[in-house]
Amino acid sequence: MNRGTIWTIVGVIAAILIAWFLVNILFSVLAFVFKLLAVAVVALIVFVILRMVFARRGDSES
């Protein structure tokens, strides 16, 4: 094997390792964003339900 072939193999291995690392980070960020979005939706639903429950209680006491 000549020098160019060895550097090509090292370059391919380095590219695979860097890509693996970057994809791992990307999936972590996407998972965090998805969790954040899910929490926001659930919190909004709970807020609307609580607001409706307390609004009904306030109307019946007046």
PDB file of N, CA and C in Angstrom:
ATOM      1  N   MET A   1       0.851  -1.199   0.000  1.00  0.00           N
ATOM      2  CA  MET A   1       0.000   0.000   0.000  1.00  0.00           C
ATOM      3  C   MET A   1       0.886   1.250   0.000  1.00  0.00           C
ATOM      4  N   ASN A   2       0.469   2.207  -0.771  1.00  0.00           N
ATOM      5  CA  ASN A   2       1.245   3.442  -0.784  1.00  0.00           C
ATOM      6  C   ASN A   2       0.664   4.448   0.202  1.00  0.00           C
ATOM      7  N   ARG A   3       1.332   5.571   0.289  1.00  0.00           N
ATOM      8  CA  ARG A   3       0.945   6.588   1.274  1.00  0.00           C
ATOM      9  C   ARG A   3      -0.456   7.147   1.026  1.00  0.00           C
ATOM     10  N   GLY A   4      -0.823   7.368  -0.226  1.00  0.00           N
ATOM     11  CA  GLY A   4      -2.133   7.916  -0.566  1.00  0.00           C
ATOM     12  C   GLY A   4      -3.270   7.005  -0.127  1.00  0.00           C
ATOM     13  N   THR A   5      -3.086   5.696  -0.274  1.00  0.00           N
ATOM     14  CA  THR A   5      -4.113   4.733   0.126  1.00  0.00           C
ATOM     15  C   THR A   5      -4.318   4.744   1.637  1.00  0.00           C
ATOM     16  N   ILE A   6      -3.231   4.811   2.372  1.00  0.00           N
ATOM     17  CA  ILE A   6      -3.327   4.832   3.844  1.00  0.00           C
ATOM     18  C   ILE A   6      -4.065   6.087   4.295  1.00  0.00           C
ATOM     19  N   TRP A   7      -3.727   7.251   3.707  1.00  0.00           N
ATOM     20  CA  TRP A   7      -4.404   8.499   4.095  1.00  0.00           C
ATOM     21  C   TRP A   7      -5.873   8.486   3.688  1.00  0.00           C
ATOM     22  N   THR A   8      -6.172   7.817   2.589  1.00  0.00           N
ATOM     23  CA  THR A   8      -7.577   7.688   2.177  1.00  0.00           C
ATOM     24  C   THR A   8      -8.357   6.869   3.195  1.00  0.00           C
ATOM     25  N   ILE A   9      -7.786   5.781   3.648  1.00  0.00           N
ATOM     26  CA  ILE A   9      -8.439   4.929   4.651  1.00  0.00           C
ATOM     27  C   ILE A   9      -8.607   5.696   5.961  1.00  0.00           C
ATOM     28  N   VAL A  10      -7.577   6.413   6.391  1.00  0.00           N
ATOM     29  CA  VAL A  10      -7.652   7.211   7.614  1.00  0.00           C
ATOM     30  C   VAL A  10      -8.714   8.301   7.455  1.00  0.00           C
ATOM     31  N   GLY A  11      -8.770   8.918   6.275  1.00  0.00           N
ATOM     32  CA  GLY A  11      -9.776   9.952   6.025  1.00  0.00           C
ATOM     33  C   GLY A  11     -11.192   9.399   6.072  1.00  0.00           C
ATOM     34  N   VAL A  12     -11.404   8.219   5.510  1.00  0.00           N
ATOM     35  CA  VAL A  12     -12.731   7.595   5.539  1.00  0.00           C
ATOM     36  C   VAL A  12     -13.133   7.268   6.970  1.00  0.00           C
ATOM     37  N   ILE A  13     -12.214   6.722   7.745  1.00  0.00           N
ATOM     38  CA  ILE A  13     -12.514   6.391   9.145  1.00  0.00           C
ATOM     39  C   ILE A  13     -12.819   7.661   9.934  1.00  0.00           C
ATOM     40  N   ALA A  14     -12.028   8.711   9.727  1.00  0.00           N
ATOM     41  CA  ALA A  14     -12.270   9.980  10.427  1.00  0.00           C
ATOM     42  C   ALA A  14     -13.622  10.567  10.022  1.00  0.00           C
ATOM     43  N   ALA A  15     -13.965  10.497   8.739  1.00  0.00           N
ATOM     44  CA  ALA A  15     -15.250  11.018   8.270  1.00  0.00           C
ATOM     45  C   ALA A  15     -16.410  10.253   8.897  1.00  0.00           C
ATOM     46  N   ILE A  16     -16.281   8.945   9.002  1.00  0.00           N
ATOM     47  CA  ILE A  16     -17.336   8.135   9.625  1.00  0.00           C
ATOM     48  C   ILE A  16     -17.489   8.491  11.097  1.00  0.00           C
ATOM     49  N   LEU A  17     -16.381   8.643  11.813  1.00  0.00           N
ATOM     50  CA  LEU A  17     -16.455   8.982  13.235  1.00  0.00           C
ATOM     51  C   LEU A  17     -17.064  10.370  13.454  1.00  0.00           C
ATOM     52  N   ILE A  18     -16.661  11.331  12.636  1.00  0.00           N
ATOM     53  CA  ILE A  18     -17.211  12.683  12.768  1.00  0.00           C
ATOM     54  C   ILE A  18     -18.697  12.689  12.422  1.00  0.00           C
ATOM     55  N   ALA A  19     -19.080  11.991  11.352  1.00  0.00           N
ATOM     56  CA  ALA A  19     -20.488  11.915  10.972  1.00  0.00           C
ATOM     57  C   ALA A  19     -21.308  11.248  12.079  1.00  0.00           C
ATOM     58  N   TRP A  20     -20.779  10.185  12.687  1.00  0.00           N
ATOM     59  CA  TRP A  20     -21.470   9.491  13.777  1.00  0.00           C
ATOM     60  C   TRP A  20     -21.722  10.457  14.930  1.00  0.00           C
ATOM     61  N   PHE A  21     -20.713  11.223  15.285  1.00  0.00           N
ATOM     62  CA  PHE A  21     -20.805  12.198  16.370  1.00  0.00           C
ATOM     63  C   PHE A  21     -21.838  13.278  16.049  1.00  0.00           C
ATOM     64  N   LEU A  22     -21.797  13.812  14.820  1.00  0.00           N
ATOM     65  CA  LEU A  22     -22.723  14.868  14.438  1.00  0.00           C
ATOM     66  C   LEU A  22     -24.166  14.381  14.364  1.00  0.00           C
ATOM     67  N   VAL A  23     -24.376  13.174  13.857  1.00  0.00           N
ATOM     68  CA  VAL A  23     -25.725  12.608  13.794  1.00  0.00           C
ATOM     69  C   VAL A  23     -26.245  12.357  15.203  1.00  0.00           C
ATOM     70  N   ASN A  24     -25.381  11.908  16.090  1.00  0.00           N
ATOM     71  CA  ASN A  24     -25.775  11.691  17.482  1.00  0.00           C
ATOM     72  C   ASN A  24     -26.240  12.997  18.123  1.00  0.00           C
ATOM     73  N   ILE A  25     -25.494  14.070  17.898  1.00  0.00           N
ATOM     74  CA  ILE A  25     -25.873  15.389  18.425  1.00  0.00           C
ATOM     75  C   ILE A  25     -27.196  15.845  17.806  1.00  0.00           C
ATOM     76  N   LEU A  26     -27.342  15.669  16.498  1.00  0.00           N
ATOM     77  CA  LEU A  26     -28.558  16.077  15.811  1.00  0.00           C
ATOM     78  C   LEU A  26     -29.777  15.359  16.377  1.00  0.00           C
ATOM     79  N   PHE A  27     -29.676  14.050  16.573  1.00  0.00           N
ATOM     80  CA  PHE A  27     -30.805  13.300  17.127  1.00  0.00           C
ATOM     81  C   PHE A  27     -31.100  13.702  18.566  1.00  0.00           C
ATOM     82  N   SER A  28     -30.073  14.029  19.335  1.00  0.00           N
ATOM     83  CA  SER A  28     -30.289  14.496  20.702  1.00  0.00           C
ATOM     84  C   SER A  28     -31.040  15.819  20.709  1.00  0.00           C
ATOM     85  N   VAL A  29     -30.649  16.726  19.831  1.00  0.00           N
ATOM     86  CA  VAL A  29     -31.314  18.023  19.744  1.00  0.00           C
ATOM     87  C   VAL A  29     -32.763  17.845  19.276  1.00  0.00           C
ATOM     88  N   LEU A  30     -32.975  16.996  18.274  1.00  0.00           N
ATOM     89  CA  LEU A  30     -34.336  16.751  17.787  1.00  0.00           C
ATOM     90  C   LEU A  30     -35.205  16.117  18.867  1.00  0.00           C
ATOM     91  N   ALA A  31     -34.644  15.191  19.638  1.00  0.00           N
ATOM     92  CA  ALA A  31     -35.404  14.575  20.722  1.00  0.00           C
ATOM     93  C   ALA A  31     -35.769  15.618  21.769  1.00  0.00           C
ATOM     94  N   PHE A  32     -34.832  16.520  22.092  1.00  0.00           N
ATOM     95  CA  PHE A  32     -35.109  17.574  23.067  1.00  0.00           C
ATOM     96  C   PHE A  32     -36.201  18.506  22.567  1.00  0.00           C
ATOM     97  N   VAL A  33     -36.130  18.894  21.293  1.00  0.00           N
ATOM     98  CA  VAL A  33     -37.139  19.782  20.722  1.00  0.00           C
ATOM     99  C   VAL A  33     -38.509  19.104  20.718  1.00  0.00           C
ATOM    100  N   PHE A  34     -38.537  17.819  20.372  1.00  0.00           N
ATOM    101  CA  PHE A  34     -39.804  17.080  20.368  1.00  0.00           C
ATOM    102  C   PHE A  34     -40.389  17.002  21.773  1.00  0.00           C
ATOM    103  N   LYS A  35     -39.550  16.716  22.770  1.00  0.00           N
ATOM    104  CA  LYS A  35     -40.018  16.674  24.164  1.00  0.00           C
ATOM    105  C   LYS A  35     -40.541  18.039  24.601  1.00  0.00           C
ATOM    106  N   LEU A  36     -39.823  19.081  24.235  1.00  0.00           N
ATOM    107  CA  LEU A  36     -40.233  20.440  24.588  1.00  0.00           C
ATOM    108  C   LEU A  36     -41.576  20.774  23.950  1.00  0.00           C
ATOM    109  N   LEU A  37     -41.757  20.401  22.703  1.00  0.00           N
ATOM    110  CA  LEU A  37     -43.019  20.634  22.016  1.00  0.00           C
ATOM    111  C   LEU A  37     -44.151  19.839  22.656  1.00  0.00           C
ATOM    112  N   ALA A  38     -43.894  18.582  23.008  1.00  0.00           N
ATOM    113  CA  ALA A  38     -44.913  17.750  23.654  1.00  0.00           C
ATOM    114  C   ALA A  38     -45.305  18.336  25.008  1.00  0.00           C
ATOM    115  N   VAL A  39     -44.332  18.793  25.781  1.00  0.00           N
ATOM    116  CA  VAL A  39     -44.615  19.396  27.087  1.00  0.00           C
ATOM    117  C   VAL A  39     -45.437  20.668  26.912  1.00  0.00           C
ATOM    118  N   ALA A  40     -45.117  21.471  25.913  1.00  0.00           N
ATOM    119  CA  ALA A  40     -45.861  22.706  25.672  1.00  0.00           C
ATOM    120  C   ALA A  40     -47.314  22.403  25.305  1.00  0.00           C
ATOM    121  N   VAL A  41     -47.538  21.405  24.472  1.00  0.00           N
ATOM    122  CA  VAL A  41     -48.901  21.045  24.074  1.00  0.00           C
ATOM    123  C   VAL A  41     -49.689  20.529  25.273  1.00  0.00           C
ATOM    124  N   VAL A  42     -49.090  19.635  26.052  1.00  0.00           N
ATOM    125  CA  VAL A  42     -49.773  19.086  27.229  1.00  0.00           C
ATOM    126  C   VAL A  42     -50.047  20.188  28.245  1.00  0.00           C
ATOM    127  N   ALA A  43     -49.099  21.080  28.458  1.00  0.00           N
ATOM    128  CA  ALA A  43     -49.300  22.181  29.399  1.00  0.00           C
ATOM    129  C   ALA A  43     -50.427  23.094  28.932  1.00  0.00           C
ATOM    130  N   LEU A  44     -50.514  23.341  27.649  1.00  0.00           N
ATOM    131  CA  LEU A  44     -51.593  24.171  27.122  1.00  0.00           C
ATOM    132  C   LEU A  44     -52.949  23.502  27.333  1.00  0.00           C
ATOM    133  N   ILE A  45     -53.023  22.205  27.081  1.00  0.00           N
ATOM    134  CA  ILE A  45     -54.278  21.470  27.291  1.00  0.00           C
ATOM    135  C   ILE A  45     -54.674  21.502  28.766  1.00  0.00           C
ATOM    136  N   VAL A  46     -53.718  21.254  29.655  1.00  0.00           N
ATOM    137  CA  VAL A  46     -54.003  21.277  31.093  1.00  0.00           C
ATOM    138  C   VAL A  46     -54.431  22.678  31.523  1.00  0.00           C
ATOM    139  N   PHE A  47     -53.775  23.702  31.005  1.00  0.00           N
ATOM    140  CA  PHE A  47     -54.134  25.073  31.348  1.00  0.00           C
ATOM    141  C   PHE A  47     -55.564  25.384  30.931  1.00  0.00           C
ATOM    142  N   VAL A  48     -55.942  24.991  29.717  1.00  0.00           N
ATOM    143  CA  VAL A  48     -57.301  25.247  29.231  1.00  0.00           C
ATOM    144  C   VAL A  48     -58.322  24.500  30.081  1.00  0.00           C
ATOM    145  N   ILE A  49     -58.027  23.256  30.426  1.00  0.00           N
ATOM    146  CA  ILE A  49     -58.947  22.476  31.263  1.00  0.00           C
ATOM    147  C   ILE A  49     -59.097  23.113  32.640  1.00  0.00           C
ATOM    148  N   LEU A  50     -57.990  23.492  33.258  1.00  0.00           N
ATOM    149  CA  LEU A  50     -58.058  24.125  34.579  1.00  0.00           C
ATOM    150  C   LEU A  50     -58.813  25.454  34.516  1.00  0.00           C
ATOM    151  N   ARG A  51     -58.595  26.212  33.464  1.00  0.00           N
ATOM    152  CA  ARG A  51     -59.291  27.488  33.322  1.00  0.00           C
ATOM    153  C   ARG A  51     -60.794  27.272  33.200  1.00  0.00           C
ATOM    154  N   MET A  52     -61.194  26.243  32.434  1.00  0.00           N
ATOM    155  CA  MET A  52     -62.619  25.948  32.290  1.00  0.00           C
ATOM    156  C   MET A  52     -63.217  25.489  33.623  1.00  0.00           C
ATOM    157  N   VAL A  53     -62.481  24.666  34.366  1.00  0.00           N
ATOM    158  CA  VAL A  53     -62.982  24.168  35.658  1.00  0.00           C
ATOM    159  C   VAL A  53     -63.155  25.322  36.634  1.00  0.00           C
ATOM    160  N   PHE A  54     -62.165  26.196  36.727  1.00  0.00           N
ATOM    161  CA  PHE A  54     -62.273  27.308  37.678  1.00  0.00           C
ATOM    162  C   PHE A  54     -63.284  28.356  37.212  1.00  0.00           C
ATOM    163  N   ALA A  55     -63.477  28.510  35.931  1.00  0.00           N
ATOM    164  CA  ALA A  55     -64.473  29.461  35.432  1.00  0.00           C
ATOM    165  C   ALA A  55     -65.880  28.969  35.774  1.00  0.00           C
ATOM    166  N   ARG A  56     -66.113  27.672  35.688  1.00  0.00           N
ATOM    167  CA  ARG A  56     -67.416  27.122  36.043  1.00  0.00           C
ATOM    168  C   ARG A  56     -67.688  27.276  37.534  1.00  0.00           C
ATOM    169  N   ARG A  57     -66.666  27.037  38.337  1.00  0.00           N
ATOM    170  CA  ARG A  57     -66.846  27.197  39.799  1.00  0.00           C
ATOM    171  C   ARG A  57     -67.138  28.644  40.138  1.00  0.00           C
ATOM    172  N   GLY A  58     -66.489  29.571  39.490  1.00  0.00           N
ATOM    173  CA  GLY A  58     -66.715  30.985  39.753  1.00  0.00           C
ATOM    174  C   GLY A  58     -68.107  31.412  39.332  1.00  0.00           C
ATOM    175  N   ASP A  59     -68.649  30.857  38.259  1.00  0.00           N
ATOM    176  CA  ASP A  59     -69.995  31.215  37.806  1.00  0.00           C
ATOM    177  C   ASP A  59     -71.073  30.673  38.730  1.00  0.00           C
ATOM    178  N   SER A  60     -70.866  29.482  39.270  1.00  0.00           N
ATOM    179  CA  SER A  60     -71.916  28.872  40.121  1.00  0.00           C
ATOM    180  C   SER A  60     -71.993  29.526  41.480  1.00  0.00           C
ATOM    181  N   GLU A  61     -70.919  30.104  41.971  1.00  0.00           N
ATOM    182  CA  GLU A  61     -70.926  30.729  43.307  1.00  0.00           C
ATOM    183  C   GLU A  61     -71.512  32.134  43.263  1.00  0.00           C
ATOM    184  N   SER A  62     -71.508  32.804  42.147  1.00  0.00           N
ATOM    185  CA  SER A  62     -71.976  34.206  42.048  1.00  0.00           C
ATOM    186  C   SER A  62     -73.474  34.287  42.092  1.00  0.00           C
TER     187      SER A  62
END
